[in-house]
């Protein structure tokens, strides 16, 4: 049997096992609390709308892609108009702009979170 096929299979099985263990344990814990007479509304305490998570992910991804694009553009400008080494110039510009974009995304996410929590 080819051993290269065992790696993806074992990876899939371990991920499935982790999720199964997490979900079954959570279910057993909730059933035990309900049997003791605890109100089921405690499971929804502090839960935000599901669309907020996706808004934050999309916002961070958009800022990251804008930062990478700006990094490539600035790297192109610098390589065209200066004599700097292009091998180090492009990655430096891309990572710098991506980092600045993620910092801006963090600030925007914080503002979005505060605006939603005030409502």
Protein backbone atom coordinates (compact mmCIF):
# COMPACT_ATOMS: atom_id res chain seq x y z
CA UNK A 1 0.00 0.00 0.00
CA UNK A 2 1.25 3.47 -0.86
CA UNK A 3 2.11 5.42 2.29
CA UNK A 4 1.51 8.85 0.74
CA UNK A 5 -2.25 8.28 0.84
CA UNK A 6 -2.13 7.64 4.60
CA UNK A 7 -1.13 11.22 5.40
CA UNK A 8 -4.29 12.93 4.04
CA UNK A 9 -6.48 10.17 5.45
CA UNK A 10 -4.96 10.46 8.92
CA UNK A 11 -5.20 14.26 8.77
CA UNK A 12 -8.89 14.07 7.85
CA UNK A 13 -9.59 11.52 10.57
CA UNK A 14 -7.83 13.54 13.25
CA UNK A 15 -9.71 16.74 12.33
CA UNK A 16 -12.99 14.82 12.27
CA UNK A 17 -12.16 13.26 15.65
CA UNK A 18 -11.43 16.64 17.24
CA UNK A 19 -14.70 18.14 16.00
CA UNK A 20 -16.68 15.05 17.01
CA UNK A 21 -15.17 15.07 20.49
CA UNK A 22 -15.85 18.79 20.90
CA UNK A 23 -19.46 18.59 19.76
CA UNK A 24 -20.32 15.44 21.72
CA UNK A 25 -18.77 16.81 24.91
CA UNK A 26 -20.61 20.10 24.53
CA UNK A 27 -23.88 18.26 23.97
CA UNK A 28 -23.39 16.08 27.06
CA UNK A 29 -22.56 19.12 29.18
CA UNK A 30 -25.66 20.97 28.02
CA UNK A 31 -27.89 17.95 28.64
CA UNK A 32 -26.49 17.62 32.16
CA UNK A 33 -27.21 21.28 32.89
CA UNK A 34 -30.74 21.01 31.51
CA UNK A 35 -31.37 17.90 33.65
CA UNK A 36 -30.37 19.88 36.73
CA UNK A 37 -33.00 22.48 35.85
CA UNK A 38 -30.77 25.26 34.62
CA UNK A 39 -32.45 27.61 32.16
CA UNK A 40 -31.39 26.93 28.57
CA UNK A 41 -31.00 30.63 27.85
CA UNK A 42 -27.50 30.56 29.38
CA UNK A 43 -26.27 28.91 26.18
CA UNK A 44 -27.19 32.01 24.19
CA UNK A 45 -25.73 34.51 26.67
CA UNK A 46 -23.14 36.76 25.05
CA UNK A 47 -23.69 35.31 21.60
CA UNK A 48 -23.60 37.80 18.80
CA UNK A 49 -25.33 37.55 15.48
CA UNK A 50 -23.66 35.06 13.17
CA UNK A 51 -23.30 37.56 10.38
CA UNK A 52 -20.97 39.70 12.51
CA UNK A 53 -18.22 37.08 12.34
CA UNK A 54 -18.40 36.99 8.55
CA UNK A 55 -18.41 40.78 8.37
CA UNK A 56 -15.21 40.90 10.38
CA UNK A 57 -13.56 38.19 8.26
CA UNK A 58 -14.54 39.94 5.02
CA UNK A 59 -13.38 43.30 6.38
CA UNK A 60 -9.98 41.91 7.41
CA UNK A 61 -9.57 40.05 4.12
CA UNK A 62 -10.46 43.15 2.12
CA UNK A 63 -7.94 45.28 4.00
CA UNK A 64 -5.28 42.59 3.59
CA UNK A 65 -5.80 42.30 -0.16
CA UNK A 66 -5.77 46.08 -0.54
CA UNK A 67 -2.51 46.19 1.42
CA UNK A 68 -0.91 43.48 -0.74
CA UNK A 69 -2.00 45.31 -3.89
CA UNK A 70 -0.59 48.58 -2.60
CA UNK A 71 2.64 46.81 -1.64
CA UNK A 72 3.06 45.43 -5.15
CA UNK A 73 2.29 48.83 -6.65
CA UNK A 74 4.73 50.67 -4.39
CA UNK A 75 7.35 47.99 -5.05
CA UNK A 76 6.87 48.50 -8.79
CA UNK A 77 7.21 52.26 -8.43
CA UNK A 78 10.32 51.96 -6.30
CA UNK A 79 11.96 49.44 -8.62
CA UNK A 80 11.22 51.62 -11.64
CA UNK A 81 12.50 54.91 -10.24
CA UNK A 82 15.32 53.77 -7.94
CA UNK A 83 18.30 51.45 -8.15
CA UNK A 84 17.31 49.40 -5.11
CA UNK A 85 17.62 45.60 -5.20
CA UNK A 86 14.35 44.19 -6.57
CA UNK A 87 14.80 40.83 -4.82
CA UNK A 88 14.38 42.45 -1.42
CA UNK A 89 12.23 45.38 -2.47
CA UNK A 90 9.03 43.57 -3.46
CA UNK A 91 8.68 41.33 -0.36
CA UNK A 92 9.54 44.25 1.93
CA UNK A 93 6.89 46.48 0.37
CA UNK A 94 4.27 43.74 0.30
CA UNK A 95 4.78 42.71 3.94
CA UNK A 96 4.98 46.29 5.16
CA UNK A 97 1.79 47.34 3.42
CA UNK A 98 -0.01 44.12 4.41
CA UNK A 99 0.95 44.75 8.05
CA UNK A 100 -0.27 48.35 7.89
CA UNK A 101 -3.49 47.15 6.25
CA UNK A 102 -4.09 44.59 9.00
CA UNK A 103 -3.47 47.28 11.60
CA UNK A 104 -6.07 49.47 9.88
CA UNK A 105 -8.42 46.46 9.72
CA UNK A 106 -7.98 45.94 13.47
CA UNK A 107 -8.94 49.56 14.12
CA UNK A 108 -11.94 49.28 11.76
CA UNK A 109 -13.05 46.02 13.38
CA UNK A 110 -12.80 47.59 16.82
CA UNK A 111 -14.93 50.52 15.65
CA UNK A 112 -17.48 48.14 14.08
CA UNK A 113 -17.64 46.07 17.24
CA UNK A 114 -18.20 49.16 19.40
CA UNK A 115 -20.91 50.43 17.06
CA UNK A 116 -22.75 47.12 17.18
CA UNK A 117 -22.41 46.73 20.96
CA UNK A 118 -23.85 50.24 21.52
CA UNK A 119 -27.03 49.33 19.62
